[in-house]
């Protein structure tokens, strides 16, 4: 059985609230889980200590048992010095501007540079 440490979404529409759970990797995201070890409330400010709450002892226990954290949970656990910093995957290239859009951006930047040179001289 492959065990994951991941988030389970709750809350209302546009008001998310996540439980940090230990779950079998074959279960649905919001489905059955083994144990709840914390929660994450993205609606709170980043400085609020109640934004992310994790039971460190239980997290250590499950990491020792071989549980694999998801990318986001690994960032939370790294902040608690439980796991090394996870590798952040690069953004997909599909979202980058295409060739014509890049040409337009380059032309606009060049025009702005020429306008900036001409303005101080006048």
PDB file of N, CA and C in Angstrom:
ATOM      1  N   UNK A   1       0.849  -1.177   0.000  1.00  0.00           N
ATOM      2  CA  UNK A   1       0.000   0.000   0.000  1.00  0.00           C
ATOM      3  C   UNK A   1       0.893   1.239   0.000  1.00  0.00           C
ATOM      4  N   UNK A   2       0.673   2.131  -0.949  1.00  0.00           N
ATOM      5  CA  UNK A   2       1.421   3.371  -1.047  1.00  0.00           C
ATOM      6  C   UNK A   2       0.675   4.458  -0.279  1.00  0.00           C
ATOM      7  N   UNK A   3       1.348   5.046   0.689  1.00  0.00           N
ATOM      8  CA  UNK A   3       0.712   6.036   1.551  1.00  0.00           C
ATOM      9  C   UNK A   3       1.231   7.427   1.195  1.00  0.00           C
ATOM     10  N   UNK A   4       0.325   8.383   1.118  1.00  0.00           N
ATOM     11  CA  UNK A   4       0.663   9.762   0.765  1.00  0.00           C
ATOM     12  C   UNK A   4       0.248  10.696   1.893  1.00  0.00           C
ATOM     13  N   UNK A   5       0.986  11.787   2.021  1.00  0.00           N
ATOM     14  CA  UNK A   5       0.574  12.900   2.881  1.00  0.00           C
ATOM     15  C   UNK A   5       0.116  13.976   1.917  1.00  0.00           C
ATOM     16  N   UNK A   6      -1.169  14.267   1.928  1.00  0.00           N
ATOM     17  CA  UNK A   6      -1.706  15.215   0.960  1.00  0.00           C
ATOM     18  C   UNK A   6      -2.828  16.022   1.557  1.00  0.00           C
ATOM     19  N   UNK A   7      -3.400  16.920   0.751  1.00  0.00           N
ATOM     20  CA  UNK A   7      -4.477  17.775   1.238  1.00  0.00           C
ATOM     21  C   UNK A   7      -5.812  17.292   0.700  1.00  0.00           C
ATOM     22  N   UNK A   8      -6.824  17.418   1.539  1.00  0.00           N
ATOM     23  CA  UNK A   8      -8.200  17.090   1.184  1.00  0.00           C
ATOM     24  C   UNK A   8      -9.005  18.374   1.276  1.00  0.00           C
ATOM     25  N   UNK A   9      -9.683  18.755   0.175  1.00  0.00           N
ATOM     26  CA  UNK A   9     -10.349  20.057   0.123  1.00  0.00           C
ATOM     27  C   UNK A   9     -11.701  20.014   0.801  1.00  0.00           C
ATOM     28  N   UNK A  10     -11.992  21.084   1.489  1.00  0.00           N
ATOM     29  CA  UNK A  10     -13.295  21.288   2.107  1.00  0.00           C
ATOM     30  C   UNK A  10     -13.651  22.749   1.970  1.00  0.00           C
ATOM     31  N   UNK A  11     -14.717  23.164   2.607  1.00  0.00           N
ATOM     32  CA  UNK A  11     -15.108  24.563   2.550  1.00  0.00           C
ATOM     33  C   UNK A  11     -16.079  24.828   1.420  1.00  0.00           C
ATOM     34  N   UNK A  12     -16.529  26.068   1.333  1.00  0.00           N
ATOM     35  CA  UNK A  12     -17.522  26.455   0.343  1.00  0.00           C
ATOM     36  C   UNK A  12     -16.848  26.913  -0.950  1.00  0.00           C
ATOM     37  N   UNK A  13     -17.664  27.198  -1.923  1.00  0.00           N
ATOM     38  CA  UNK A  13     -17.174  27.703  -3.200  1.00  0.00           C
ATOM     39  C   UNK A  13     -16.435  29.029  -2.956  1.00  0.00           C
ATOM     40  N   UNK A  14     -15.238  29.147  -3.521  1.00  0.00           N
ATOM     41  CA  UNK A  14     -14.380  30.323  -3.369  1.00  0.00           C
ATOM     42  C   UNK A  14     -13.935  30.563  -1.922  1.00  0.00           C
ATOM     43  N   UNK A  15     -14.116  29.624  -1.027  1.00  0.00           N
ATOM     44  CA  UNK A  15     -13.660  29.722   0.366  1.00  0.00           C
ATOM     45  C   UNK A  15     -13.031  28.379   0.762  1.00  0.00           C
ATOM     46  N   UNK A  16     -11.899  28.004   0.160  1.00  0.00           N
ATOM     47  CA  UNK A  16     -11.333  26.683   0.425  1.00  0.00           C
ATOM     48  C   UNK A  16     -10.757  26.551   1.826  1.00  0.00           C
ATOM     49  N   UNK A  17     -10.741  25.335   2.288  1.00  0.00           N
ATOM     50  CA  UNK A  17     -10.134  24.955   3.565  1.00  0.00           C
ATOM     51  C   UNK A  17      -9.638  23.527   3.355  1.00  0.00           C
ATOM     52  N   UNK A  18      -8.410  23.244   3.695  1.00  0.00           N
ATOM     53  CA  UNK A  18      -7.829  21.936   3.426  1.00  0.00           C
ATOM     54  C   UNK A  18      -7.441  21.220   4.714  1.00  0.00           C
ATOM     55  N   UNK A  19      -7.707  19.915   4.752  1.00  0.00           N
ATOM     56  CA  UNK A  19      -7.193  19.058   5.808  1.00  0.00           C
ATOM     57  C   UNK A  19      -5.913  18.426   5.265  1.00  0.00           C
ATOM     58  N   UNK A  20      -4.899  18.335   6.089  1.00  0.00           N
ATOM     59  CA  UNK A  20      -3.686  17.614   5.704  1.00  0.00           C
ATOM     60  C   UNK A  20      -3.850  16.212   6.267  1.00  0.00           C
ATOM     61  N   UNK A  21      -3.905  15.232   5.363  1.00  0.00           N
ATOM     62  CA  UNK A  21      -4.258  13.874   5.753  1.00  0.00           C
ATOM     63  C   UNK A  21      -3.226  12.862   5.273  1.00  0.00           C
ATOM     64  N   UNK A  22      -3.257  11.704   5.920  1.00  0.00           N
ATOM     65  CA  UNK A  22      -2.507  10.537   5.485  1.00  0.00           C
ATOM     66  C   UNK A  22      -3.528   9.659   4.773  1.00  0.00           C
ATOM     67  N   UNK A  23      -3.256   9.325   3.508  1.00  0.00           N
ATOM     68  CA  UNK A  23      -4.239   8.560   2.743  1.00  0.00           C
ATOM     69  C   UNK A  23      -3.541   7.553   1.837  1.00  0.00           C
ATOM     70  N   UNK A  24      -4.255   6.493   1.536  1.00  0.00           N
ATOM     71  CA  UNK A  24      -3.812   5.540   0.529  1.00  0.00           C
ATOM     72  C   UNK A  24      -3.840   6.266  -0.815  1.00  0.00           C
ATOM     73  N   UNK A  25      -2.794   6.119  -1.611  1.00  0.00           N
ATOM     74  CA  UNK A  25      -2.701   6.872  -2.862  1.00  0.00           C
ATOM     75  C   UNK A  25      -3.810   6.504  -3.845  1.00  0.00           C
ATOM     76  N   UNK A  26      -4.459   5.353  -3.661  1.00  0.00           N
ATOM     77  CA  UNK A  26      -5.516   4.939  -4.582  1.00  0.00           C
ATOM     78  C   UNK A  26      -6.866   5.566  -4.259  1.00  0.00           C
ATOM     79  N   UNK A  27      -6.991   6.195  -3.095  1.00  0.00           N
ATOM     80  CA  UNK A  27      -8.250   6.812  -2.701  1.00  0.00           C
ATOM     81  C   UNK A  27      -8.428   8.178  -3.371  1.00  0.00           C
ATOM     82  N   UNK A  28      -9.680   8.607  -3.474  1.00  0.00           N
ATOM     83  CA  UNK A  28      -9.989   9.902  -4.080  1.00  0.00           C
ATOM     84  C   UNK A  28      -9.427  11.031  -3.224  1.00  0.00           C
ATOM     85  N   UNK A  29      -9.242  12.185  -3.830  1.00  0.00           N
ATOM     86  CA  UNK A  29      -8.666  13.341  -3.130  1.00  0.00           C
ATOM     87  C   UNK A  29      -9.429  13.661  -1.848  1.00  0.00           C
ATOM     88  N   UNK A  30     -10.739  13.730  -1.934  1.00  0.00           N
ATOM     89  CA  UNK A  30     -11.552  14.056  -0.769  1.00  0.00           C
ATOM     90  C   UNK A  30     -12.169  12.809  -0.150  1.00  0.00           C
ATOM     91  N   UNK A  31     -11.665  11.663  -0.508  1.00  0.00           N
ATOM     92  CA  UNK A  31     -12.250  10.409  -0.044  1.00  0.00           C
ATOM     93  C   UNK A  31     -11.705   9.954   1.300  1.00  0.00           C
ATOM     94  N   UNK A  32     -11.729   8.647   1.473  1.00  0.00           N
ATOM     95  CA  UNK A  32     -11.323   8.046   2.732  1.00  0.00           C
ATOM     96  C   UNK A  32      -9.841   8.302   3.017  1.00  0.00           C
ATOM     97  N   UNK A  33      -9.538   8.573   4.273  1.00  0.00           N
ATOM     98  CA  UNK A  33      -8.150   8.778   4.669  1.00  0.00           C
ATOM     99  C   UNK A  33      -7.882   8.003   5.948  1.00  0.00           C
ATOM    100  N   UNK A  34      -6.600   7.835   6.264  1.00  0.00           N
ATOM    101  CA  UNK A  34      -6.189   7.066   7.431  1.00  0.00           C
ATOM    102  C   UNK A  34      -6.190   7.935   8.677  1.00  0.00           C
ATOM    103  N   UNK A  35      -5.602   9.128   8.553  1.00  0.00           N
ATOM    104  CA  UNK A  35      -5.470  10.000   9.726  1.00  0.00           C
ATOM    105  C   UNK A  35      -5.353  11.453   9.285  1.00  0.00           C
ATOM    106  N   UNK A  36      -5.942  12.355  10.055  1.00  0.00           N
ATOM    107  CA  UNK A  36      -5.810  13.786   9.819  1.00  0.00           C
ATOM    108  C   UNK A  36      -4.690  14.289  10.720  1.00  0.00           C
ATOM    109  N   UNK A  37      -3.674  14.949  10.130  1.00  0.00           N
ATOM    110  CA  UNK A  37      -2.552  15.427  10.932  1.00  0.00           C
ATOM    111  C   UNK A  37      -2.467  16.949  10.980  1.00  0.00           C
ATOM    112  N   UNK A  38      -3.372  17.649  10.309  1.00  0.00           N
ATOM    113  CA  UNK A  38      -3.324  19.099  10.351  1.00  0.00           C
ATOM    114  C   UNK A  38      -4.290  19.725   9.374  1.00  0.00           C
ATOM    115  N   UNK A  39      -4.159  21.034   9.204  1.00  0.00           N
ATOM    116  CA  UNK A  39      -5.002  21.737   8.241  1.00  0.00           C
ATOM    117  C   UNK A  39      -4.264  22.936   7.668  1.00  0.00           C
ATOM    118  N   UNK A  40      -4.797  23.437   6.551  1.00  0.00           N
ATOM    119  CA  UNK A  40      -4.251  24.600   5.857  1.00  0.00           C
ATOM    120  C   UNK A  40      -5.426  25.489   5.475  1.00  0.00           C
ATOM    121  N   UNK A  41      -5.366  26.750   5.894  1.00  0.00           N
ATOM    122  CA  UNK A  41      -6.432  27.705   5.588  1.00  0.00           C
ATOM    123  C   UNK A  41      -5.849  28.830   4.740  1.00  0.00           C
ATOM    124  N   UNK A  42      -5.969  28.749   3.401  1.00  0.00           N
ATOM    125  CA  UNK A  42      -5.362  29.761   2.539  1.00  0.00           C
ATOM    126  C   UNK A  42      -6.025  31.129   2.628  1.00  0.00           C
ATOM    127  N   UNK A  43      -7.186  31.227   3.286  1.00  0.00           N
ATOM    128  CA  UNK A  43      -7.876  32.507   3.408  1.00  0.00           C
ATOM    129  C   UNK A  43      -7.240  33.394   4.488  1.00  0.00           C
ATOM    130  N   UNK A  44      -6.441  32.821   5.360  1.00  0.00           N
ATOM    131  CA  UNK A  44      -5.764  33.610   6.399  1.00  0.00           C
ATOM    132  C   UNK A  44      -4.517  34.266   5.822  1.00  0.00           C
ATOM    133  N   UNK A  45      -4.036  35.310   6.481  1.00  0.00           N
ATOM    134  CA  UNK A  45      -2.839  36.008   6.005  1.00  0.00           C
ATOM    135  C   UNK A  45      -1.623  35.099   6.175  1.00  0.00           C
ATOM    136  N   UNK A  46      -0.589  35.368   5.398  1.00  0.00           N
ATOM    137  CA  UNK A  46       0.610  34.525   5.428  1.00  0.00           C
ATOM    138  C   UNK A  46       1.350  34.590   6.756  1.00  0.00           C
ATOM    139  N   UNK A  47       1.167  35.676   7.510  1.00  0.00           N
ATOM    140  CA  UNK A  47       1.847  35.818   8.799  1.00  0.00           C
ATOM    141  C   UNK A  47       1.088  35.114   9.928  1.00  0.00           C
ATOM    142  N   UNK A  48      -0.161  34.756   9.690  1.00  0.00           N
ATOM    143  CA  UNK A  48      -0.990  34.143  10.729  1.00  0.00           C
ATOM    144  C   UNK A  48      -0.470  32.745  11.072  1.00  0.00           C
ATOM    145  N   UNK A  49      -0.177  32.461  12.341  1.00  0.00           N
ATOM    146  CA  UNK A  49       0.318  31.122  12.704  1.00  0.00           C
ATOM    147  C   UNK A  49      -0.733  30.019  12.531  1.00  0.00           C
ATOM    148  N   UNK A  50      -1.994  30.389  12.412  1.00  0.00           N
ATOM    149  CA  UNK A  50      -3.054  29.395  12.229  1.00  0.00           C
ATOM    150  C   UNK A  50      -3.303  29.075  10.761  1.00  0.00           C
ATOM    151  N   UNK A  51      -2.499  29.639   9.839  1.00  0.00           N
ATOM    152  CA  UNK A  51      -2.672  29.363   8.414  1.00  0.00           C
ATOM    153  C   UNK A  51      -2.346  27.905   8.098  1.00  0.00           C
ATOM    154  N   UNK A  52      -1.239  27.408   8.642  1.00  0.00           N
ATOM    155  CA  UNK A  52      -0.843  26.003   8.479  1.00  0.00           C
ATOM    156  C   UNK A  52      -0.573  25.436   9.853  1.00  0.00           C
ATOM    157  N   UNK A  53      -1.289  24.391  10.211  1.00  0.00           N
ATOM    158  CA  UNK A  53      -1.092  23.724  11.497  1.00  0.00           C
ATOM    159  C   UNK A  53      -0.876  22.241  11.206  1.00  0.00           C
ATOM    160  N   UNK A  54       0.262  21.702  11.663  1.00  0.00           N
ATOM    161  CA  UNK A  54       0.587  20.288  11.434  1.00  0.00           C
ATOM    162  C   UNK A  54       1.065  19.674  12.738  1.00  0.00           C
ATOM    163  N   UNK A  55       0.572  18.474  13.037  1.00  0.00           N
ATOM    164  CA  UNK A  55       1.043  17.709  14.192  1.00  0.00           C
ATOM    165  C   UNK A  55       2.402  17.116  13.811  1.00  0.00           C
ATOM    166  N   UNK A  56       3.470  17.718  14.307  1.00  0.00           N
ATOM    167  CA  UNK A  56       4.829  17.365  13.903  1.00  0.00           C
ATOM    168  C   UNK A  56       5.164  15.921  14.263  1.00  0.00           C
ATOM    169  N   UNK A  57       4.757  15.479  15.440  1.00  0.00           N
ATOM    170  CA  UNK A  57       5.081  14.109  15.863  1.00  0.00           C
ATOM    171  C   UNK A  57       4.464  13.073  14.929  1.00  0.00           C
ATOM    172  N   UNK A  58       3.197  13.281  14.560  1.00  0.00           N
ATOM    173  CA  UNK A  58       2.535  12.328  13.657  1.00  0.00           C
ATOM    174  C   UNK A  58       3.135  12.401  12.253  1.00  0.00           C
ATOM    175  N   UNK A  59       3.521  13.604  11.818  1.00  0.00           N
ATOM    176  CA  UNK A  59       4.150  13.743  10.503  1.00  0.00           C
ATOM    177  C   UNK A  59       5.482  12.987  10.477  1.00  0.00           C
ATOM    178  N   UNK A  60       6.270  13.114  11.551  1.00  0.00           N
ATOM    179  CA  UNK A  60       7.536  12.384  11.643  1.00  0.00           C
ATOM    180  C   UNK A  60       7.291  10.879  11.603  1.00  0.00           C
ATOM    181  N   UNK A  61       6.265  10.442  12.333  1.00  0.00           N
ATOM    182  CA  UNK A  61       5.932   9.019  12.371  1.00  0.00           C
ATOM    183  C   UNK A  61       5.632   8.500  10.976  1.00  0.00           C
ATOM    184  N   UNK A  62       4.769   9.203  10.245  1.00  0.00           N
ATOM    185  CA  UNK A  62       4.356   8.728   8.925  1.00  0.00           C
ATOM    186  C   UNK A  62       5.482   8.851   7.908  1.00  0.00           C
ATOM    187  N   UNK A  63       6.322   9.871   8.018  1.00  0.00           N
ATOM    188  CA  UNK A  63       7.478   9.960   7.124  1.00  0.00           C
ATOM    189  C   UNK A  63       8.431   8.792   7.387  1.00  0.00           C
ATOM    190  N   UNK A  64       8.554   8.407   8.656  1.00  0.00           N
ATOM    191  CA  UNK A  64       9.371   7.252   9.011  1.00  0.00           C
ATOM    192  C   UNK A  64       8.799   5.953   8.478  1.00  0.00           C
ATOM    193  N   UNK A  65       7.487   5.895   8.301  1.00  0.00           N
ATOM    194  CA  UNK A  65       6.827   4.713   7.751  1.00  0.00           C
ATOM    195  C   UNK A  65       6.890   4.680   6.222  1.00  0.00           C
ATOM    196  N   UNK A  66       7.428   5.751   5.605  1.00  0.00           N
ATOM    197  CA  UNK A  66       7.576   5.760   4.152  1.00  0.00           C
ATOM    198  C   UNK A  66       6.514   6.543   3.401  1.00  0.00           C
ATOM    199  N   UNK A  67       5.720   7.340   4.104  1.00  0.00           N
ATOM    200  CA  UNK A  67       4.695   8.145   3.431  1.00  0.00           C
ATOM    201  C   UNK A  67       5.362   9.223   2.587  1.00  0.00           C
ATOM    202  N   UNK A  68       4.838   9.443   1.385  1.00  0.00           N
ATOM    203  CA  UNK A  68       5.384  10.434   0.466  1.00  0.00           C
ATOM    204  C   UNK A  68       4.514  11.685   0.476  1.00  0.00           C
ATOM    205  N   UNK A  69       5.068  12.864   0.794  1.00  0.00           N
ATOM    206  CA  UNK A  69       4.256  14.087   0.790  1.00  0.00           C
ATOM    207  C   UNK A  69       4.039  14.597  -0.631  1.00  0.00           C
ATOM    208  N   UNK A  70       2.896  15.242  -0.846  1.00  0.00           N
ATOM    209  CA  UNK A  70       2.643  15.904  -2.122  1.00  0.00           C
ATOM    210  C   UNK A  70       3.552  17.127  -2.202  1.00  0.00           C
ATOM    211  N   UNK A  71       3.601  17.774  -3.366  1.00  0.00           N
ATOM    212  CA  UNK A  71       4.501  18.920  -3.541  1.00  0.00           C
ATOM    213  C   UNK A  71       4.191  20.034  -2.549  1.00  0.00           C
ATOM    214  N   UNK A  72       2.927  20.409  -2.417  1.00  0.00           N
ATOM    215  CA  UNK A  72       2.542  21.509  -1.534  1.00  0.00           C
ATOM    216  C   UNK A  72       2.796  21.141  -0.074  1.00  0.00           C
ATOM    217  N   UNK A  73       2.454  19.929   0.322  1.00  0.00           N
ATOM    218  CA  UNK A  73       2.670  19.502   1.712  1.00  0.00           C
ATOM    219  C   UNK A  73       4.168  19.413   2.002  1.00  0.00           C
ATOM    220  N   UNK A  74       4.960  19.034   0.999  1.00  0.00           N
ATOM    221  CA  UNK A  74       6.414  18.988   1.195  1.00  0.00           C
ATOM    222  C   UNK A  74       6.959  20.381   1.502  1.00  0.00           C
ATOM    223  N   UNK A  75       6.394  21.426   0.893  1.00  0.00           N
ATOM    224  CA  UNK A  75       6.812  22.793   1.223  1.00  0.00           C
ATOM    225  C   UNK A  75       6.483  23.133   2.673  1.00  0.00           C
ATOM    226  N   UNK A  76       5.302  22.726   3.128  1.00  0.00           N
ATOM    227  CA  UNK A  76       4.921  22.967   4.519  1.00  0.00           C
ATOM    228  C   UNK A  76       5.855  22.221   5.466  1.00  0.00           C
ATOM    229  N   UNK A  77       6.171  20.963   5.141  1.00  0.00           N
ATOM    230  CA  UNK A  77       7.045  20.160   5.991  1.00  0.00           C
ATOM    231  C   UNK A  77       8.486  20.688   5.966  1.00  0.00           C
ATOM    232  N   UNK A  78       8.896  21.244   4.839  1.00  0.00           N
ATOM    233  CA  UNK A  78      10.232  21.848   4.752  1.00  0.00           C
ATOM    234  C   UNK A  78      10.317  23.052   5.697  1.00  0.00           C
ATOM    235  N   UNK A  79       9.236  23.821   5.800  1.00  0.00           N
ATOM    236  CA  UNK A  79       9.221  24.974   6.701  1.00  0.00           C
ATOM    237  C   UNK A  79       9.390  24.527   8.157  1.00  0.00           C
ATOM    238  N   UNK A  80       8.991  23.286   8.456  1.00  0.00           N
ATOM    239  CA  UNK A  80       9.151  22.728   9.804  1.00  0.00           C
ATOM    240  C   UNK A  80      10.438  21.920   9.931  1.00  0.00           C
ATOM    241  N   UNK A  81      11.279  21.930   8.909  1.00  0.00           N
ATOM    242  CA  UNK A  81      12.558  21.208   8.872  1.00  0.00           C
ATOM    243  C   UNK A  81      12.389  19.702   8.986  1.00  0.00           C
ATOM    244  N   UNK A  82      11.328  19.164   8.397  1.00  0.00           N
ATOM    245  CA  UNK A  82      11.113  17.720   8.432  1.00  0.00           C
ATOM    246  C   UNK A  82      11.589  17.031   7.164  1.00  0.00           C
ATOM    247  N   UNK A  83      11.594  17.734   6.046  1.00  0.00           N
ATOM    248  CA  UNK A  83      12.040  17.165   4.769  1.00  0.00           C
ATOM    249  C   UNK A  83      12.935  18.185   4.076  1.00  0.00           C
ATOM    250  N   UNK A  84      13.809  17.740   3.162  1.00  0.00           N
ATOM    251  CA  UNK A  84      14.615  18.705   2.404  1.00  0.00           C
ATOM    252  C   UNK A  84      13.727  19.488   1.439  1.00  0.00           C
ATOM    253  N   UNK A  85      14.227  20.609   0.976  1.00  0.00           N
ATOM    254  CA  UNK A  85      13.444  21.462   0.085  1.00  0.00           C
ATOM    255  C   UNK A  85      13.090  20.692  -1.185  1.00  0.00           C
ATOM    256  N   UNK A  86      11.798  20.645  -1.525  1.00  0.00           N
ATOM    257  CA  UNK A  86      11.395  19.902  -2.717  1.00  0.00           C
ATOM    258  C   UNK A  86      11.799  20.639  -3.991  1.00  0.00           C
ATOM    259  N   UNK A  87      11.969  19.888  -5.048  1.00  0.00           N
ATOM    260  CA  UNK A  87      12.298  20.465  -6.345  1.00  0.00           C
ATOM    261  C   UNK A  87      11.015  21.026  -6.941  1.00  0.00           C
ATOM    262  N   UNK A  88      11.032  22.301  -7.295  1.00  0.00           N
ATOM    263  CA  UNK A  88       9.860  22.935  -7.886  1.00  0.00           C
ATOM    264  C   UNK A  88       9.882  22.652  -9.379  1.00  0.00           C
ATOM    265  N   UNK A  89       8.796  22.095  -9.870  1.00  0.00           N
ATOM    266  CA  UNK A  89       8.717  21.770 -11.291  1.00  0.00           C
ATOM    267  C   UNK A  89       8.571  23.046 -12.106  1.00  0.00           C
ATOM    268  N   UNK A  90       9.227  23.117 -13.275  1.00  0.00           N
ATOM    269  CA  UNK A  90       9.118  24.327 -14.101  1.00  0.00           C
ATOM    270  C   UNK A  90       7.720  24.466 -14.713  1.00  0.00           C
ATOM    271  N   UNK A  91       7.377  25.703 -15.055  1.00  0.00           N
ATOM    272  CA  UNK A  91       6.097  25.954 -15.695  1.00  0.00           C
ATOM    273  C   UNK A  91       6.102  25.307 -17.075  1.00  0.00           C
ATOM    274  N   UNK A  92       4.946  24.838 -17.541  1.00  0.00           N
ATOM    275  CA  UNK A  92       4.909  24.224 -18.870  1.00  0.00           C
ATOM    276  C   UNK A  92       5.173  25.258 -19.967  1.00  0.00           C
ATOM    277  N   UNK A  93       5.821  24.820 -21.030  1.00  0.00           N
ATOM    278  CA  UNK A  93       6.162  25.709 -22.140  1.00  0.00           C
ATOM    279  C   UNK A  93       4.925  26.100 -22.952  1.00  0.00           C
ATOM    280  N   UNK A  94       3.839  25.327 -22.832  1.00  0.00           N
ATOM    281  CA  UNK A  94       2.625  25.631 -23.589  1.00  0.00           C
ATOM    282  C   UNK A  94       2.075  27.007 -23.257  1.00  0.00           C
ATOM    283  N   UNK A  95       2.290  27.464 -22.046  1.00  0.00           N
ATOM    284  CA  UNK A  95       1.710  28.731 -21.629  1.00  0.00           C
ATOM    285  C   UNK A  95       2.534  29.935 -22.080  1.00  0.00           C
ATOM    286  N   UNK A  96       3.733  29.704 -22.609  1.00  0.00           N
ATOM    287  CA  UNK A  96       4.575  30.810 -23.061  1.00  0.00           C
ATOM    288  C   UNK A  96       3.975  31.445 -24.311  1.00  0.00           C
ATOM    289  N   UNK A  97       4.191  32.750 -24.518  1.00  0.00           N
ATOM    290  CA  UNK A  97       3.683  33.401 -25.731  1.00  0.00           C
ATOM    291  C   UNK A  97       4.277  32.750 -26.980  1.00  0.00           C
ATOM    292  N   UNK A  98       3.479  32.690 -28.040  1.00  0.00           N
ATOM    293  CA  UNK A  98       3.933  32.082 -29.288  1.00  0.00           C
ATOM    294  C   UNK A  98       4.850  33.045 -30.043  1.00  0.00           C
ATOM    295  N   UNK A  99       5.322  32.627 -31.198  1.00  0.00           N
ATOM    296  CA  UNK A  99       6.345  33.373 -31.938  1.00  0.00           C
ATOM    297  C   UNK A  99       5.895  34.788 -32.297  1.00  0.00           C
ATOM    298  N   UNK A 100       4.682  34.949 -32.859  1.00  0.00           N
ATOM    299  CA  UNK A 100       4.224  36.276 -33.271  1.00  0.00           C
ATOM    300  C   UNK A 100       4.047  37.199 -32.066  1.00  0.00           C
ATOM    301  N   UNK A 101       3.535  36.660 -30.974  1.00  0.00           N
ATOM    302  CA  UNK A 101       3.356  37.471 -29.771  1.00  0.00           C
ATOM    303  C   UNK A 101       4.710  37.917 -29.225  1.00  0.00           C
ATOM    304  N   UNK A 102       5.707  37.038 -29.283  1.00  0.00           N
ATOM    305  CA  UNK A 102       7.046  37.406 -28.828  1.00  0.00           C
ATOM    306  C   UNK A 102       7.643  38.499 -29.707  1.00  0.00           C
ATOM    307  N   UNK A 103       7.390  38.419 -31.022  1.00  0.00           N
ATOM    308  CA  UNK A 103       7.871  39.464 -31.934  1.00  0.00           C
ATOM    309  C   UNK A 103       7.215  40.800 -31.614  1.00  0.00           C
ATOM    310  N   UNK A 104       5.912  40.792 -31.351  1.00  0.00           N
ATOM    311  CA  UNK A 104       5.203  42.026 -30.993  1.00  0.00           C
ATOM    312  C   UNK A 104       5.741  42.617 -29.696  1.00  0.00           C
ATOM    313  N   UNK A 105       6.010  41.768 -28.711  1.00  0.00           N
ATOM    314  CA  UNK A 105       6.566  42.240 -27.443  1.00  0.00           C
ATOM    315  C   UNK A 105       7.952  42.845 -27.639  1.00  0.00           C
ATOM    316  N   UNK A 106       8.768  42.211 -28.472  1.00  0.00           N
ATOM    317  CA  UNK A 106      10.108  42.728 -28.734  1.00  0.00           C
ATOM    318  C   UNK A 106      10.028  44.075 -29.447  1.00  0.00           C
ATOM    319  N   UNK A 107       9.118  44.201 -30.411  1.00  0.00           N
ATOM    320  CA  UNK A 107       8.959  45.459 -31.138  1.00  0.00           C
ATOM    321  C   UNK A 107       8.468  46.561 -30.200  1.00  0.00           C
ATOM    322  N   UNK A 108       7.544  46.227 -29.304  1.00  0.00           N
ATOM    323  CA  UNK A 108       7.031  47.212 -28.357  1.00  0.00           C
ATOM    324  C   UNK A 108       8.132  47.655 -27.391  1.00  0.00           C
ATOM    325  N   UNK A 109       8.966  46.740 -26.959  1.00  0.00           N
ATOM    326  CA  UNK A 109      10.068  47.080 -26.056  1.00  0.00           C
ATOM    327  C   UNK A 109      11.085  47.973 -26.769  1.00  0.00           C
ATOM    328  N   UNK A 110      11.351  47.672 -28.026  1.00  0.00           N
ATOM    329  CA  UNK A 110      12.287  48.483 -28.805  1.00  0.00           C
ATOM    330  C   UNK A 110      11.743  49.899 -29.007  1.00  0.00           C
ATOM    331  N   UNK A 111      10.447  50.006 -29.307  1.00  0.00           N
ATOM    332  CA  UNK A 111       9.816  51.311 -29.489  1.00  0.00           C
ATOM    333  C   UNK A 111       9.855  52.116 -28.185  1.00  0.00           C
ATOM    334  N   UNK A 112       9.636  51.458 -27.075  1.00  0.00           N
ATOM    335  CA  UNK A 112       9.675  52.139 -25.782  1.00  0.00           C
ATOM    336  C   UNK A 112      11.085  52.624 -25.473  1.00  0.00           C
ATOM    337  N   UNK A 113      12.092  51.843 -25.845  1.00  0.00           N
ATOM    338  CA  UNK A 113      13.478  52.244 -25.623  1.00  0.00           C
ATOM    339  C   UNK A 113      13.831  53.466 -26.463  1.00  0.00           C
ATOM    340  N   UNK A 114      13.375  53.477 -27.719  1.00  0.00           N
ATOM    341  CA  UNK A 114      13.637  54.641 -28.589  1.00  0.00           C
ATOM    342  C   UNK A 114      12.930  55.878 -28.054  1.00  0.00           C
ATOM    343  N   UNK A 115      11.705  55.707 -27.553  1.00  0.00           N
ATOM    344  CA  UNK A 115      10.956  56.837 -27.001  1.00  0.00           C
ATOM    345  C   UNK A 115      11.657  57.372 -25.747  1.00  0.00           C
ATOM    346  N   UNK A 116      12.216  56.502 -24.970  1.00  0.00           N
ATOM    347  CA  UNK A 116      12.929  56.930 -23.756  1.00  0.00           C
ATOM    348  C   UNK A 116      14.203  57.698 -24.108  1.00  0.00           C
ATOM    349  N   UNK A 117      14.871  57.303 -25.175  1.00  0.00           N
ATOM    350  CA  UNK A 117      16.079  58.007 -25.608  1.00  0.00           C
ATOM    351  C   UNK A 117      15.726  59.385 -26.157  1.00  0.00           C
ATOM    352  N   UNK A 118      14.616  59.477 -26.892  1.00  0.00           N
ATOM    353  CA  UNK A 118      14.220  60.727 -27.533  1.00  0.00           C
ATOM    354  C   UNK A 118      13.676  61.731 -26.511  1.00  0.00           C
ATOM    355  N   UNK A 119      13.049  61.275 -25.457  1.00  0.00           N
ATOM    356  CA  UNK A 119      12.416  62.171 -24.478  1.00  0.00           C
ATOM    357  C   UNK A 119      13.431  63.070 -23.753  1.00  0.00           C
ATOM    358  N   UNK A 120      14.535  62.571 -23.232  1.00  0.00           N
ATOM    359  CA  UNK A 120      15.475  63.440 -22.533  1.00  0.00           C
ATOM    360  C   UNK A 120      16.153  64.463 -23.461  1.00  0.00           C
ATOM    361  N   UNK A 121      16.316  64.136 -24.751  1.00  0.00           N
ATOM    362  CA  UNK A 121      16.986  65.015 -25.690  1.00  0.00           C
ATOM    363  C   UNK A 121      16.121  66.230 -26.024  1.00  0.00           C
ATOM    364  N   UNK A 122      14.817  66.112 -25.928  1.00  0.00           N
ATOM    365  CA  UNK A 122      13.925  67.213 -26.315  1.00  0.00           C
ATOM    366  C   UNK A 122      13.842  68.300 -25.276  1.00  0.00           C
TER     367      UNK A 122
END
